[in-house]
Amino acid sequence: MVHIRRTVLMLVLTGALSHFDGSPVPRFFADDPIQAMPPPLPVQKPATQNVNRVLDLLVQSKSWKQRPATPAGAVNTLGEVPDSEWFTNRHGGAA
């Protein structure tokens, strides 16, 4: 019984140590974090819609539910806002 426990323990330790190779995991990938957004694409002609505002207010107010919080979409993985056509980071950045 002791021999079986020792064998199982050695197999588990060997598996755990072979999984860890000691190489550091990269903190950032080659394209991350984004410092500047690409320029926006031009829009030829936006489509228009005719909406009855009173009817839309009544329909939307009847089935109102609080929306769940969603994370911001224009941030990099560090939570910073990259430079773009609308925003230039002037706080503590490189000159």
Protein backbone atom coordinates (compact mmCIF):
# COMPACT_ATOMS: atom_id res chain seq x y z
CA MET A 1 0.00 0.00 0.00
CA VAL A 2 2.86 2.37 0.83
CA HIS A 3 4.48 1.55 -2.51
CA ILE A 4 1.30 2.54 -4.40
CA ARG A 5 0.99 5.86 -2.50
CA ARG A 6 4.63 6.66 -3.18
CA THR A 7 4.23 5.87 -6.89
CA VAL A 8 1.09 8.02 -7.19
CA LEU A 9 2.79 10.87 -5.34
CA MET A 10 5.82 10.69 -7.64
CA LEU A 11 3.58 10.72 -10.73
CA VAL A 12 1.66 13.76 -9.49
CA LEU A 13 4.84 15.66 -8.63
CA THR A 14 6.44 14.76 -11.96
CA GLY A 15 3.36 15.95 -13.82
CA ALA A 16 3.20 19.19 -11.85
CA LEU A 17 6.89 19.95 -12.34
CA SER A 18 6.84 19.11 -16.05
CA HIS A 19 3.98 21.57 -16.53
CA PHE A 20 6.03 24.41 -14.99
CA ASP A 21 9.01 25.09 -17.23
CA GLY A 22 10.23 28.19 -15.40
CA SER A 23 9.86 30.58 -18.33
CA PRO A 24 8.20 33.87 -17.40
CA VAL A 25 4.77 34.54 -18.86
CA PRO A 26 4.80 37.72 -20.99
CA ARG A 27 2.96 40.57 -19.34
CA PHE A 28 1.97 42.16 -22.65
CA PHE A 29 1.63 40.80 -26.14
CA ALA A 30 3.35 42.38 -29.16
CA ASP A 31 0.32 44.49 -30.09
CA ASP A 32 -0.71 45.34 -26.54
CA PRO A 33 -1.32 47.89 -25.08
CA ILE A 34 -2.49 50.08 -27.92
CA GLN A 35 -1.15 53.61 -27.57
CA ALA A 36 -3.04 55.15 -30.51
CA MET A 37 -6.21 54.12 -32.31
CA PRO A 38 -6.24 53.86 -36.12
CA PRO A 39 -7.99 56.71 -37.95
CA PRO A 40 -11.75 56.24 -38.40
CA LEU A 41 -13.14 54.97 -41.70
CA PRO A 42 -15.20 57.40 -43.77
CA VAL A 43 -18.98 56.94 -43.96
CA GLN A 44 -20.50 57.65 -47.36
CA LYS A 45 -24.11 58.42 -46.46
CA PRO A 46 -25.82 57.37 -43.22
CA ALA A 47 -29.30 55.87 -43.44
CA THR A 48 -32.18 57.79 -41.89
CA GLN A 49 -35.21 56.40 -40.08
CA ASN A 50 -38.55 58.03 -39.38
CA VAL A 51 -39.42 57.43 -35.70
CA ASN A 52 -42.54 58.58 -33.93
CA ARG A 53 -40.96 59.93 -30.74
CA VAL A 54 -44.12 59.82 -28.61
CA LEU A 55 -44.91 56.22 -29.55
CA ASP A 56 -41.29 55.21 -29.05
CA LEU A 57 -41.27 56.82 -25.57
CA LEU A 58 -44.43 54.97 -24.56
CA VAL A 59 -43.24 51.60 -25.84
CA GLN A 60 -39.79 51.94 -24.29
CA SER A 61 -41.16 53.22 -20.96
CA LYS A 62 -43.61 50.33 -20.62
CA SER A 63 -40.93 47.63 -20.71
CA TRP A 64 -38.14 49.55 -19.00
CA LYS A 65 -35.49 47.47 -17.29
CA GLN A 66 -32.23 48.65 -15.87
CA ARG A 67 -29.44 47.68 -18.21
CA PRO A 68 -26.45 45.78 -16.84
CA ALA A 69 -23.19 47.66 -16.58
CA THR A 70 -20.93 47.17 -19.59
CA PRO A 71 -17.21 47.92 -19.69
CA ALA A 72 -15.96 50.80 -21.80
CA GLY A 73 -15.13 49.86 -25.36
CA ALA A 74 -12.40 52.33 -26.28
CA VAL A 75 -9.77 51.38 -23.71
CA ASN A 76 -6.75 49.13 -23.98
CA THR A 77 -6.14 46.17 -21.68
CA LEU A 78 -4.58 48.43 -19.05
CA GLY A 79 -7.77 50.48 -18.81
CA GLU A 80 -6.15 53.53 -20.41
CA VAL A 81 -7.72 55.57 -23.21
CA PRO A 82 -5.48 55.45 -26.29
CA ASP A 83 -4.88 58.51 -28.46
CA SER A 84 -7.41 58.94 -31.26
CA GLU A 85 -9.02 61.55 -33.49
CA TRP A 86 -11.12 62.69 -30.51
CA PHE A 87 -8.74 62.31 -27.59
CA THR A 88 -5.08 63.12 -26.90
CA ASN A 89 -3.56 61.88 -23.66
CA ARG A 90 -1.75 64.87 -22.13
CA HIS A 91 -1.45 63.60 -18.58
CA GLY A 92 1.92 62.14 -17.66
CA GLY A 93 2.64 60.84 -21.15
CA ALA A 94 5.80 61.20 -23.16
CA ALA A 95 6.33 64.59 -24.74
